[in-house]
Amino acid sequence: PLYEAWKRVYDVAVTSTYLHPINKPPHDIRGFIYKGIRVLPRQICGVYTSVNTFEEYKGGLAGLEESVHGGSVFQTVLYNRINIFMTHMSNYGSDRLANLLWRSLVRFIHRRTKI
C-alpha cells in the first residue's frame, strides 16, 4: 500500500532504501523497480548517527582513511555509476567525520583515478 500511495498521492518515481539486498557486498548492490517506482540502494560509509568522533569509527582515523584510500567507500564509488550515501547531521559536528570523509574521498579519486 505504501508504494501505491506514494505513486498516487505524490507521483513519486524514485526512492532509496538501505541495505537491500543484504546478502551482497556494498559495492555490488543494484537498484530495482518495484510497482513502477525505481528503488536505488543507499550506500553506507560507516558514519552513522552514533559515530561522532574518530574513536567511535571502526578502526579510528586510520580506519576512516583506509575506507577511502582503496577500501569499502572507494570501491563502492568505483563499481557503481550512481551512488547515494547518507550521513547524519551529527557527523558534521564533533570531529567532523563526514566532512573529512567526503573531502578525502574526492581528493583521492582526483589524484589516483581518471574518474
PDB file of N, CA and C in Angstrom:
ATOM      1  N   PRO A   1       0.798  -1.210   0.000  1.00  0.00           N
ATOM      2  CA  PRO A   1       0.000   0.000   0.000  1.00  0.00           C
ATOM      3  C   PRO A   1       0.847   1.283   0.000  1.00  0.00           C
ATOM      4  N   LEU A   2       2.020   1.245   0.613  1.00  0.00           N
ATOM      5  CA  LEU A   2       2.852   2.438   0.703  1.00  0.00           C
ATOM      6  C   LEU A   2       3.290   2.912  -0.684  1.00  0.00           C
ATOM      7  N   TYR A   3       3.771   2.001  -1.502  1.00  0.00           N
ATOM      8  CA  TYR A   3       4.240   2.382  -2.831  1.00  0.00           C
ATOM      9  C   TYR A   3       3.096   2.895  -3.700  1.00  0.00           C
ATOM     10  N   GLU A   4       1.938   2.275  -3.596  1.00  0.00           N
ATOM     11  CA  GLU A   4       0.784   2.746  -4.370  1.00  0.00           C
ATOM     12  C   GLU A   4       0.388   4.160  -3.934  1.00  0.00           C
ATOM     13  N   ALA A   5       0.419   4.414  -2.637  1.00  0.00           N
ATOM     14  CA  ALA A   5       0.073   5.744  -2.119  1.00  0.00           C
ATOM     15  C   ALA A   5       1.099   6.783  -2.572  1.00  0.00           C
ATOM     16  N   TRP A   6       2.374   6.432  -2.496  1.00  0.00           N
ATOM     17  CA  TRP A   6       3.407   7.363  -2.949  1.00  0.00           C
ATOM     18  C   TRP A   6       3.181   7.741  -4.414  1.00  0.00           C
ATOM     19  N   LYS A   7       2.887   6.742  -5.217  1.00  0.00           N
ATOM     20  CA  LYS A   7       2.688   6.968  -6.648  1.00  0.00           C
ATOM     21  C   LYS A   7       1.426   7.794  -6.904  1.00  0.00           C
ATOM     22  N   ARG A   8       0.326   7.430  -6.248  1.00  0.00           N
ATOM     23  CA  ARG A   8      -0.962   8.083  -6.479  1.00  0.00           C
ATOM     24  C   ARG A   8      -1.001   9.495  -5.896  1.00  0.00           C
ATOM     25  N   VAL A   9      -0.576   9.671  -4.663  1.00  0.00           N
ATOM     26  CA  VAL A   9      -0.705  10.957  -3.977  1.00  0.00           C
ATOM     27  C   VAL A   9       0.424  11.920  -4.341  1.00  0.00           C
ATOM     28  N   TYR A  10       1.662  11.428  -4.350  1.00  0.00           N
ATOM     29  CA  TYR A  10       2.802  12.314  -4.539  1.00  0.00           C
ATOM     30  C   TYR A  10       3.496  12.158  -5.895  1.00  0.00           C
ATOM     31  N   ASP A  11       3.033  11.211  -6.709  1.00  0.00           N
ATOM     32  CA  ASP A  11       3.636  10.932  -8.007  1.00  0.00           C
ATOM     33  C   ASP A  11       5.133  10.637  -7.880  1.00  0.00           C
ATOM     34  N   VAL A  12       5.497   9.878  -6.847  1.00  0.00           N
ATOM     35  CA  VAL A  12       6.884   9.501  -6.599  1.00  0.00           C
ATOM     36  C   VAL A  12       7.333   8.534  -7.692  1.00  0.00           C
ATOM     37  N   ALA A  13       8.490   8.804  -8.254  1.00  0.00           N
ATOM     38  CA  ALA A  13       9.034   7.927  -9.296  1.00  0.00           C
ATOM     39  C   ALA A  13      10.299   7.213  -8.830  1.00  0.00           C
ATOM     40  N   VAL A  14      11.025   7.809  -7.851  1.00  0.00           N
ATOM     41  CA  VAL A  14      12.292   7.259  -7.381  1.00  0.00           C
ATOM     42  C   VAL A  14      12.380   7.419  -5.871  1.00  0.00           C
ATOM     43  N   THR A  15      12.924   6.409  -5.206  1.00  0.00           N
ATOM     44  CA  THR A  15      13.211   6.477  -3.777  1.00  0.00           C
ATOM     45  C   THR A  15      14.496   5.704  -3.533  1.00  0.00           C
ATOM     46  N   SER A  16      14.933   5.647  -2.298  1.00  0.00           N
ATOM     47  CA  SER A  16      16.114   4.855  -1.981  1.00  0.00           C
ATOM     48  C   SER A  16      15.834   4.001  -0.755  1.00  0.00           C
ATOM     49  N   THR A  17      16.617   2.959  -0.623  1.00  0.00           N
ATOM     50  CA  THR A  17      16.468   2.058   0.512  1.00  0.00           C
ATOM     51  C   THR A  17      17.839   1.712   1.054  1.00  0.00           C
ATOM     52  N   TYR A  18      17.876   1.281   2.269  1.00  0.00           N
ATOM     53  CA  TYR A  18      19.122   0.980   2.961  1.00  0.00           C
ATOM     54  C   TYR A  18      19.359  -0.528   2.977  1.00  0.00           C
ATOM     55  N   LEU A  19      20.502  -0.958   2.495  1.00  0.00           N
ATOM     56  CA  LEU A  19      20.948  -2.359   2.545  1.00  0.00           C
ATOM     57  C   LEU A  19      19.979  -3.366   1.934  1.00  0.00           C
ATOM     58  N   HIS A  20      19.609  -3.149   0.712  1.00  0.00           N
ATOM     59  CA  HIS A  20      18.767  -4.145   0.054  1.00  0.00           C
ATOM     60  C   HIS A  20      19.382  -4.495  -1.280  1.00  0.00           C
ATOM     61  N   PRO A  21      19.666  -5.697  -1.618  1.00  0.00           N
ATOM     62  CA  PRO A  21      19.595  -6.883  -0.760  1.00  0.00           C
ATOM     63  C   PRO A  21      20.807  -6.971   0.163  1.00  0.00           C
ATOM     64  N   ILE A  22      20.622  -7.468   1.330  1.00  0.00           N
ATOM     65  CA  ILE A  22      21.636  -7.500   2.385  1.00  0.00           C
ATOM     66  C   ILE A  22      22.750  -8.507   2.119  1.00  0.00           C
ATOM     67  N   ASN A  23      22.504  -9.510   1.279  1.00  0.00           N
ATOM     68  CA  ASN A  23      23.475 -10.589   1.121  1.00  0.00           C
ATOM     69  C   ASN A  23      24.587 -10.304   0.116  1.00  0.00           C
ATOM     70  N   LYS A  24      24.724  -9.075  -0.330  1.00  0.00           N
ATOM     71  CA  LYS A  24      25.769  -8.714  -1.284  1.00  0.00           C
ATOM     72  C   LYS A  24      26.708  -7.689  -0.653  1.00  0.00           C
ATOM     73  N   PRO A  25      27.961  -7.641  -1.124  1.00  0.00           N
ATOM     74  CA  PRO A  25      28.868  -6.597  -0.629  1.00  0.00           C
ATOM     75  C   PRO A  25      28.375  -5.220  -1.063  1.00  0.00           C
ATOM     76  N   PRO A  26      28.694  -4.181  -0.315  1.00  0.00           N
ATOM     77  CA  PRO A  26      28.168  -2.836  -0.610  1.00  0.00           C
ATOM     78  C   PRO A  26      28.401  -2.372  -2.041  1.00  0.00           C
ATOM     79  N   HIS A  27      29.541  -2.712  -2.638  1.00  0.00           N
ATOM     80  CA  HIS A  27      29.828  -2.231  -3.992  1.00  0.00           C
ATOM     81  C   HIS A  27      29.088  -3.019  -5.072  1.00  0.00           C
ATOM     82  N   ASP A  28      28.354  -4.053  -4.693  1.00  0.00           N
ATOM     83  CA  ASP A  28      27.662  -4.893  -5.672  1.00  0.00           C
ATOM     84  C   ASP A  28      26.138  -4.815  -5.547  1.00  0.00           C
ATOM     85  N   ILE A  29      25.627  -3.862  -4.801  1.00  0.00           N
ATOM     86  CA  ILE A  29      24.185  -3.720  -4.617  1.00  0.00           C
ATOM     87  C   ILE A  29      23.635  -2.867  -5.764  1.00  0.00           C
ATOM     88  N   ARG A  30      22.577  -3.328  -6.387  1.00  0.00           N
ATOM     89  CA  ARG A  30      21.987  -2.634  -7.522  1.00  0.00           C
ATOM     90  C   ARG A  30      20.560  -2.201  -7.213  1.00  0.00           C
ATOM     91  N   GLY A  31      20.084  -1.226  -7.938  1.00  0.00           N
ATOM     92  CA  GLY A  31      18.713  -0.768  -7.794  1.00  0.00           C
ATOM     93  C   GLY A  31      17.740  -1.712  -8.488  1.00  0.00           C
ATOM     94  N   PHE A  32      16.464  -1.437  -8.298  1.00  0.00           N
ATOM     95  CA  PHE A  32      15.424  -2.262  -8.904  1.00  0.00           C
ATOM     96  C   PHE A  32      14.164  -1.423  -9.049  1.00  0.00           C
ATOM     97  N   ILE A  33      13.187  -1.956  -9.756  1.00  0.00           N
ATOM     98  CA  ILE A  33      11.905  -1.278  -9.915  1.00  0.00           C
ATOM     99  C   ILE A  33      10.854  -2.112  -9.198  1.00  0.00           C
ATOM    100  N   TYR A  34      10.084  -1.466  -8.325  1.00  0.00           N
ATOM    101  CA  TYR A  34       9.034  -2.137  -7.571  1.00  0.00           C
ATOM    102  C   TYR A  34       7.743  -1.349  -7.728  1.00  0.00           C
ATOM    103  N   LYS A  35       6.736  -1.980  -8.295  1.00  0.00           N
ATOM    104  CA  LYS A  35       5.427  -1.355  -8.502  1.00  0.00           C
ATOM    105  C   LYS A  35       5.546  -0.004  -9.209  1.00  0.00           C
ATOM    106  N   GLY A  36       6.439   0.037 -10.207  1.00  0.00           N
ATOM    107  CA  GLY A  36       6.590   1.238 -11.020  1.00  0.00           C
ATOM    108  C   GLY A  36       7.462   2.325 -10.416  1.00  0.00           C
ATOM    109  N   ILE A  37       8.048   2.081  -9.255  1.00  0.00           N
ATOM    110  CA  ILE A  37       8.919   3.073  -8.608  1.00  0.00           C
ATOM    111  C   ILE A  37      10.349   2.544  -8.616  1.00  0.00           C
ATOM    112  N   ARG A  38      11.270   3.367  -9.099  1.00  0.00           N
ATOM    113  CA  ARG A  38      12.685   2.984  -9.093  1.00  0.00           C
ATOM    114  C   ARG A  38      13.204   3.083  -7.663  1.00  0.00           C
ATOM    115  N   VAL A  39      13.843   2.021  -7.204  1.00  0.00           N
ATOM    116  CA  VAL A  39      14.383   1.982  -5.848  1.00  0.00           C
ATOM    117  C   VAL A  39      15.902   1.885  -5.952  1.00  0.00           C
ATOM    118  N   LEU A  40      16.580   2.930  -5.514  1.00  0.00           N
ATOM    119  CA  LEU A  40      18.034   2.970  -5.567  1.00  0.00           C
ATOM    120  C   LEU A  40      18.611   2.542  -4.224  1.00  0.00           C
ATOM    121  N   PRO A  41      19.701   1.804  -4.244  1.00  0.00           N
ATOM    122  CA  PRO A  41      20.322   1.414  -2.970  1.00  0.00           C
ATOM    123  C   PRO A  41      21.036   2.601  -2.339  1.00  0.00           C
ATOM    124  N   ARG A  42      20.935   2.717  -1.040  1.00  0.00           N
ATOM    125  CA  ARG A  42      21.654   3.757  -0.310  1.00  0.00           C
ATOM    126  C   ARG A  42      22.922   3.117   0.232  1.00  0.00           C
ATOM    127  N   GLN A  43      24.072   3.584  -0.228  1.00  0.00           N
ATOM    128  CA  GLN A  43      25.335   3.012   0.213  1.00  0.00           C
ATOM    129  C   GLN A  43      25.663   3.444   1.631  1.00  0.00           C
ATOM    130  N   ILE A  44      26.486   2.662   2.282  1.00  0.00           N
ATOM    131  CA  ILE A  44      26.905   3.011   3.633  1.00  0.00           C
ATOM    132  C   ILE A  44      28.381   3.386   3.626  1.00  0.00           C
ATOM    133  N   CYS A  45      28.759   4.240   4.549  1.00  0.00           N
ATOM    134  CA  CYS A  45      30.145   4.686   4.608  1.00  0.00           C
ATOM    135  C   CYS A  45      30.714   4.548   6.013  1.00  0.00           C
ATOM    136  N   GLY A  46      29.969   3.925   6.907  1.00  0.00           N
ATOM    137  CA  GLY A  46      30.463   3.703   8.259  1.00  0.00           C
ATOM    138  C   GLY A  46      30.282   4.886   9.192  1.00  0.00           C
ATOM    139  N   VAL A  47      29.725   5.980   8.697  1.00  0.00           N
ATOM    140  CA  VAL A  47      29.488   7.162   9.521  1.00  0.00           C
ATOM    141  C   VAL A  47      28.001   7.183   9.858  1.00  0.00           C
ATOM    142  N   TYR A  48      27.684   6.715  11.048  1.00  0.00           N
ATOM    143  CA  TYR A  48      26.298   6.587  11.488  1.00  0.00           C
ATOM    144  C   TYR A  48      25.963   7.657  12.530  1.00  0.00           C
ATOM    145  N   THR A  49      24.703   7.698  12.966  1.00  0.00           N
ATOM    146  CA  THR A  49      24.306   8.691  13.975  1.00  0.00           C
ATOM    147  C   THR A  49      25.099   8.536  15.260  1.00  0.00           C
ATOM    148  N   SER A  50      25.488   7.327  15.597  1.00  0.00           N
ATOM    149  CA  SER A  50      26.209   7.087  16.846  1.00  0.00           C
ATOM    150  C   SER A  50      27.713   7.277  16.707  1.00  0.00           C
ATOM    151  N   VAL A  51      28.185   7.589  15.512  1.00  0.00           N
ATOM    152  CA  VAL A  51      29.619   7.743  15.266  1.00  0.00           C
ATOM    153  C   VAL A  51      29.915   9.226  15.081  1.00  0.00           C
ATOM    154  N   ASN A  52      30.445   9.846  16.115  1.00  0.00           N
ATOM    155  CA  ASN A  52      30.696  11.279  16.064  1.00  0.00           C
ATOM    156  C   ASN A  52      32.159  11.665  16.258  1.00  0.00           C
ATOM    157  N   THR A  53      32.974  10.722  16.716  1.00  0.00           N
ATOM    158  CA  THR A  53      34.393  11.010  16.931  1.00  0.00           C
ATOM    159  C   THR A  53      35.226   9.917  16.269  1.00  0.00           C
ATOM    160  N   PHE A  54      36.496  10.206  16.079  1.00  0.00           N
ATOM    161  CA  PHE A  54      37.386   9.226  15.456  1.00  0.00           C
ATOM    162  C   PHE A  54      37.434   7.924  16.244  1.00  0.00           C
ATOM    163  N   GLU A  55      37.394   8.028  17.559  1.00  0.00           N
ATOM    164  CA  GLU A  55      37.458   6.829  18.402  1.00  0.00           C
ATOM    165  C   GLU A  55      36.260   5.905  18.168  1.00  0.00           C
ATOM    166  N   GLU A  56      35.121   6.474  17.798  1.00  0.00           N
ATOM    167  CA  GLU A  56      33.906   5.680  17.597  1.00  0.00           C
ATOM    168  C   GLU A  56      33.851   5.039  16.206  1.00  0.00           C
ATOM    169  N   TYR A  57      34.656   5.537  15.270  1.00  0.00           N
ATOM    170  CA  TYR A  57      34.681   4.955  13.927  1.00  0.00           C
ATOM    171  C   TYR A  57      35.473   3.655  13.990  1.00  0.00           C
ATOM    172  N   LYS A  58      34.993   2.632  13.307  1.00  0.00           N
ATOM    173  CA  LYS A  58      35.668   1.331  13.322  1.00  0.00           C
ATOM    174  C   LYS A  58      37.092   1.485  12.788  1.00  0.00           C
ATOM    175  N   GLY A  59      38.071   1.272  13.649  1.00  0.00           N
ATOM    176  CA  GLY A  59      39.474   1.427  13.257  1.00  0.00           C
ATOM    177  C   GLY A  59      40.019   2.823  13.472  1.00  0.00           C
ATOM    178  N   GLY A  60      39.189   3.732  14.016  1.00  0.00           N
ATOM    179  CA  GLY A  60      39.636   5.095  14.276  1.00  0.00           C
ATOM    180  C   GLY A  60      39.901   5.874  12.994  1.00  0.00           C
ATOM    181  N   LEU A  61      40.747   6.893  13.100  1.00  0.00           N
ATOM    182  CA  LEU A  61      41.079   7.732  11.944  1.00  0.00           C
ATOM    183  C   LEU A  61      41.723   6.901  10.842  1.00  0.00           C
ATOM    184  N   ALA A  62      42.575   5.954  11.212  1.00  0.00           N
ATOM    185  CA  ALA A  62      43.222   5.087  10.215  1.00  0.00           C
ATOM    186  C   ALA A  62      42.177   4.260   9.463  1.00  0.00           C
ATOM    187  N   GLY A  63      41.149   3.797  10.153  1.00  0.00           N
ATOM    188  CA  GLY A  63      40.081   3.034   9.513  1.00  0.00           C
ATOM    189  C   GLY A  63      39.279   3.884   8.543  1.00  0.00           C
ATOM    190  N   LEU A  64      39.033   5.135   8.919  1.00  0.00           N
ATOM    191  CA  LEU A  64      38.319   6.062   8.039  1.00  0.00           C
ATOM    192  C   LEU A  64      39.122   6.304   6.768  1.00  0.00           C
ATOM    193  N   GLU A  65      40.400   6.580   6.925  1.00  0.00           N
ATOM    194  CA  GLU A  65      41.269   6.813   5.764  1.00  0.00           C
ATOM    195  C   GLU A  65      41.380   5.558   4.907  1.00  0.00           C
ATOM    196  N   GLU A  66      41.451   4.401   5.523  1.00  0.00           N
ATOM    197  CA  GLU A  66      41.548   3.146   4.769  1.00  0.00           C
ATOM    198  C   GLU A  66      40.296   2.912   3.920  1.00  0.00           C
ATOM    199  N   SER A  67      39.127   3.247   4.459  1.00  0.00           N
ATOM    200  CA  SER A  67      37.887   3.048   3.703  1.00  0.00           C
ATOM    201  C   SER A  67      37.857   3.916   2.447  1.00  0.00           C
ATOM    202  N   VAL A  68      38.548   5.052   2.488  1.00  0.00           N
ATOM    203  CA  VAL A  68      38.606   5.968   1.350  1.00  0.00           C
ATOM    204  C   VAL A  68      39.734   5.592   0.393  1.00  0.00           C
ATOM    205  N   HIS A  69      40.900   5.274   0.927  1.00  0.00           N
ATOM    206  CA  HIS A  69      42.087   5.011   0.104  1.00  0.00           C
ATOM    207  C   HIS A  69      42.119   3.568  -0.368  1.00  0.00           C
ATOM    208  N   GLY A  70      41.166   3.204  -1.204  1.00  0.00           N
ATOM    209  CA  GLY A  70      41.119   1.867  -1.776  1.00  0.00           C
ATOM    210  C   GLY A  70      40.191   0.911  -1.056  1.00  0.00           C
ATOM    211  N   GLY A  71      39.627   1.326   0.070  1.00  0.00           N
ATOM    212  CA  GLY A  71      38.758   0.463   0.867  1.00  0.00           C
ATOM    213  C   GLY A  71      37.307   0.484   0.412  1.00  0.00           C
ATOM    214  N   SER A  72      36.406   0.192   1.330  1.00  0.00           N
ATOM    215  CA  SER A  72      34.997  -0.035   1.001  1.00  0.00           C
ATOM    216  C   SER A  72      34.295   1.179   0.398  1.00  0.00           C
ATOM    217  N   VAL A  73      34.547   2.379   0.900  1.00  0.00           N
ATOM    218  CA  VAL A  73      33.874   3.564   0.350  1.00  0.00           C
ATOM    219  C   VAL A  73      34.369   3.827  -1.071  1.00  0.00           C
ATOM    220  N   PHE A  74      35.675   3.740  -1.282  1.00  0.00           N
ATOM    221  CA  PHE A  74      36.224   3.933  -2.618  1.00  0.00           C
ATOM    222  C   PHE A  74      35.696   2.880  -3.587  1.00  0.00           C
ATOM    223  N   GLN A  75      35.660   1.623  -3.172  1.00  0.00           N
ATOM    224  CA  GLN A  75      35.177   0.555  -4.047  1.00  0.00           C
ATOM    225  C   GLN A  75      33.706   0.744  -4.409  1.00  0.00           C
ATOM    226  N   THR A  76      32.929   1.231  -3.472  1.00  0.00           N
ATOM    227  CA  THR A  76      31.521   1.486  -3.761  1.00  0.00           C
ATOM    228  C   THR A  76      31.382   2.533  -4.853  1.00  0.00           C
ATOM    229  N   VAL A  77      32.152   3.612  -4.769  1.00  0.00           N
ATOM    230  CA  VAL A  77      32.116   4.653  -5.804  1.00  0.00           C
ATOM    231  C   VAL A  77      32.641   4.103  -7.120  1.00  0.00           C
ATOM    232  N   LEU A  78      33.695   3.324  -7.058  1.00  0.00           N
ATOM    233  CA  LEU A  78      34.328   2.784  -8.257  1.00  0.00           C
ATOM    234  C   LEU A  78      33.404   1.851  -9.033  1.00  0.00           C
ATOM    235  N   TYR A  79      32.673   0.994  -8.342  1.00  0.00           N
ATOM    236  CA  TYR A  79      31.875  -0.040  -9.001  1.00  0.00           C
ATOM    237  C   TYR A  79      30.417   0.339  -9.264  1.00  0.00           C
ATOM    238  N   ASN A  80      29.976   1.502  -8.838  1.00  0.00           N
ATOM    239  CA  ASN A  80      28.592   1.928  -9.071  1.00  0.00           C
ATOM    240  C   ASN A  80      28.579   3.247  -9.831  1.00  0.00           C
ATOM    241  N   ARG A  81      27.803   3.307 -10.904  1.00  0.00           N
ATOM    242  CA  ARG A  81      27.725   4.550 -11.684  1.00  0.00           C
ATOM    243  C   ARG A  81      27.025   5.654 -10.902  1.00  0.00           C
ATOM    244  N   ILE A  82      26.054   5.293 -10.075  1.00  0.00           N
ATOM    245  CA  ILE A  82      25.321   6.261  -9.260  1.00  0.00           C
ATOM    246  C   ILE A  82      25.459   5.840  -7.805  1.00  0.00           C
ATOM    247  N   ASN A  83      25.793   6.783  -6.947  1.00  0.00           N
ATOM    248  CA  ASN A  83      25.953   6.499  -5.523  1.00  0.00           C
ATOM    249  C   ASN A  83      25.106   7.448  -4.705  1.00  0.00           C
ATOM    250  N   ILE A  84      24.409   6.896  -3.749  1.00  0.00           N
ATOM    251  CA  ILE A  84      23.646   7.698  -2.796  1.00  0.00           C
ATOM    252  C   ILE A  84      24.146   7.308  -1.418  1.00  0.00           C
ATOM    253  N   PHE A  85      24.889   8.206  -0.810  1.00  0.00           N
ATOM    254  CA  PHE A  85      25.395   7.973   0.536  1.00  0.00           C
ATOM    255  C   PHE A  85      24.564   8.786   1.504  1.00  0.00           C
ATOM    256  N   MET A  86      24.502   8.335   2.732  1.00  0.00           N
ATOM    257  CA  MET A  86      23.771   9.068   3.748  1.00  0.00           C
ATOM    258  C   MET A  86      24.651   9.200   4.983  1.00  0.00           C
ATOM    259  N   THR A  87      24.786  10.402   5.464  1.00  0.00           N
ATOM    260  CA  THR A  87      25.379  10.630   6.770  1.00  0.00           C
ATOM    261  C   THR A  87      24.341  11.401   7.569  1.00  0.00           C
ATOM    262  N   HIS A  88      24.649  11.712   8.778  1.00  0.00           N
ATOM    263  CA  HIS A  88      23.690  12.371   9.650  1.00  0.00           C
ATOM    264  C   HIS A  88      24.232  13.722  10.089  1.00  0.00           C
ATOM    265  N   MET A  89      23.328  14.601  10.466  1.00  0.00           N
ATOM    266  CA  MET A  89      23.721  15.944  10.862  1.00  0.00           C
ATOM    267  C   MET A  89      24.792  15.925  11.958  1.00  0.00           C
ATOM    268  N   SER A  90      24.693  14.971  12.867  1.00  0.00           N
ATOM    269  CA  SER A  90      25.668  14.898  13.957  1.00  0.00           C
ATOM    270  C   SER A  90      27.072  14.596  13.442  1.00  0.00           C
ATOM    271  N   ASN A  91      27.201  14.027  12.241  1.00  0.00           N
ATOM    272  CA  ASN A  91      28.517  13.721  11.678  1.00  0.00           C
ATOM    273  C   ASN A  91      29.238  14.955  11.158  1.00  0.00           C
ATOM    274  N   TYR A  92      28.547  16.091  11.126  1.00  0.00           N
ATOM    275  CA  TYR A  92      29.166  17.327  10.670  1.00  0.00           C
ATOM    276  C   TYR A  92      29.626  18.182  11.846  1.00  0.00           C
ATOM    277  N   GLY A  93      29.433  17.692  13.057  1.00  0.00           N
ATOM    278  CA  GLY A  93      29.918  18.350  14.259  1.00  0.00           C
ATOM    279  C   GLY A  93      31.036  17.516  14.859  1.00  0.00           C
ATOM    280  N   SER A  94      31.300  17.704  16.133  1.00  0.00           N
ATOM    281  CA  SER A  94      32.337  16.958  16.863  1.00  0.00           C
ATOM    282  C   SER A  94      33.623  16.909  16.042  1.00  0.00           C
ATOM    283  N   ASP A  95      34.053  15.717  15.625  1.00  0.00           N
ATOM    284  CA  ASP A  95      35.286  15.577  14.845  1.00  0.00           C
ATOM    285  C   ASP A  95      35.071  15.805  13.351  1.00  0.00           C
ATOM    286  N   ARG A  96      33.849  16.138  12.956  1.00  0.00           N
ATOM    287  CA  ARG A  96      33.510  16.429  11.562  1.00  0.00           C
ATOM    288  C   ARG A  96      33.889  15.284  10.625  1.00  0.00           C
ATOM    289  N   LEU A  97      33.465  14.088  11.007  1.00  0.00           N
ATOM    290  CA  LEU A  97      33.807  12.884  10.253  1.00  0.00           C
ATOM    291  C   LEU A  97      33.312  12.932   8.811  1.00  0.00           C
ATOM    292  N   ALA A  98      32.084  13.395   8.610  1.00  0.00           N
ATOM    293  CA  ALA A  98      31.526  13.428   7.257  1.00  0.00           C
ATOM    294  C   ALA A  98      32.342  14.360   6.368  1.00  0.00           C
ATOM    295  N   ASN A  99      32.691  15.540   6.876  1.00  0.00           N
ATOM    296  CA  ASN A  99      33.497  16.483   6.089  1.00  0.00           C
ATOM    297  C   ASN A  99      34.830  15.856   5.700  1.00  0.00           C
ATOM    298  N   LEU A 100      35.487  15.224   6.668  1.00  0.00           N
ATOM    299  CA  LEU A 100      36.776  14.591   6.408  1.00  0.00           C
ATOM    300  C   LEU A 100      36.634  13.455   5.400  1.00  0.00           C
ATOM    301  N   LEU A 101      35.616  12.634   5.564  1.00  0.00           N
ATOM    302  CA  LEU A 101      35.391  11.503   4.669  1.00  0.00           C
ATOM    303  C   LEU A 101      35.206  11.961   3.230  1.00  0.00           C
ATOM    304  N   TRP A 102      34.287  12.899   2.982  1.00  0.00           N
ATOM    305  CA  TRP A 102      33.988  13.328   1.616  1.00  0.00           C
ATOM    306  C   TRP A 102      35.152  14.093   1.004  1.00  0.00           C
ATOM    307  N   ARG A 103      35.801  14.960   1.777  1.00  0.00           N
ATOM    308  CA  ARG A 103      36.945  15.707   1.265  1.00  0.00           C
ATOM    309  C   ARG A 103      38.078  14.749   0.882  1.00  0.00           C
ATOM    310  N   SER A 104      38.338  13.789   1.739  1.00  0.00           N
ATOM    311  CA  SER A 104      39.388  12.815   1.490  1.00  0.00           C
ATOM    312  C   SER A 104      39.061  11.941   0.283  1.00  0.00           C
ATOM    313  N   LEU A 105      37.799  11.534   0.149  1.00  0.00           N
ATOM    314  CA  LEU A 105      37.378  10.703  -0.976  1.00  0.00           C
ATOM    315  C   LEU A 105      37.533  11.446  -2.303  1.00  0.00           C
ATOM    316  N   VAL A 106      37.068  12.678  -2.360  1.00  0.00           N
ATOM    317  CA  VAL A 106      37.173  13.462  -3.596  1.00  0.00           C
ATOM    318  C   VAL A 106      38.634  13.689  -3.951  1.00  0.00           C
ATOM    319  N   ARG A 107      39.441  14.017  -2.975  1.00  0.00           N
ATOM    320  CA  ARG A 107      40.873  14.235  -3.214  1.00  0.00           C
ATOM    321  C   ARG A 107      41.543  12.955  -3.728  1.00  0.00           C
ATOM    322  N   PHE A 108      41.229  11.811  -3.101  1.00  0.00           N
ATOM    323  CA  PHE A 108      41.818  10.532  -3.513  1.00  0.00           C
ATOM    324  C   PHE A 108      41.407  10.177  -4.938  1.00  0.00           C
ATOM    325  N   ILE A 109      40.141  10.309  -5.249  1.00  0.00           N
ATOM    326  CA  ILE A 109      39.655   9.991  -6.595  1.00  0.00           C
ATOM    327  C   ILE A 109      40.311  10.905  -7.627  1.00  0.00           C
ATOM    328  N   HIS A 110      40.402  12.188  -7.314  1.00  0.00           N
ATOM    329  CA  HIS A 110      41.009  13.148  -8.241  1.00  0.00           C
ATOM    330  C   HIS A 110      42.484  12.830  -8.492  1.00  0.00           C
ATOM    331  N   ARG A 111      43.220  12.475  -7.459  1.00  0.00           N
ATOM    332  CA  ARG A 111      44.647  12.238  -7.589  1.00  0.00           C
ATOM    333  C   ARG A 111      44.996  10.863  -8.142  1.00  0.00           C
ATOM    334  N   ARG A 112      44.184   9.872  -7.860  1.00  0.00           N
ATOM    335  CA  ARG A 112      44.563   8.490  -8.187  1.00  0.00           C
ATOM    336  C   ARG A 112      43.802   7.830  -9.334  1.00  0.00           C
ATOM    337  N   THR A 113      42.772   8.500  -9.850  1.00  0.00           N
ATOM    338  CA  THR A 113      41.989   7.880 -10.905  1.00  0.00           C
ATOM    339  C   THR A 113      41.743   8.877 -12.043  1.00  0.00           C
ATOM    340  N   LYS A 114      41.073   8.402 -13.064  1.00  0.00           N
ATOM    341  CA  LYS A 114      40.652   9.282 -14.165  1.00  0.00           C
ATOM    342  C   LYS A 114      39.131   9.345 -14.208  1.00  0.00           C
ATOM    343  N   ILE A 115      38.516   9.167 -13.057  1.00  0.00           N
ATOM    344  CA  ILE A 115      37.048   9.221 -12.977  1.00  0.00           C
ATOM    345  C   ILE A 115      36.608  10.658 -13.073  1.00  0.00           C
TER     346      ILE A 115
END
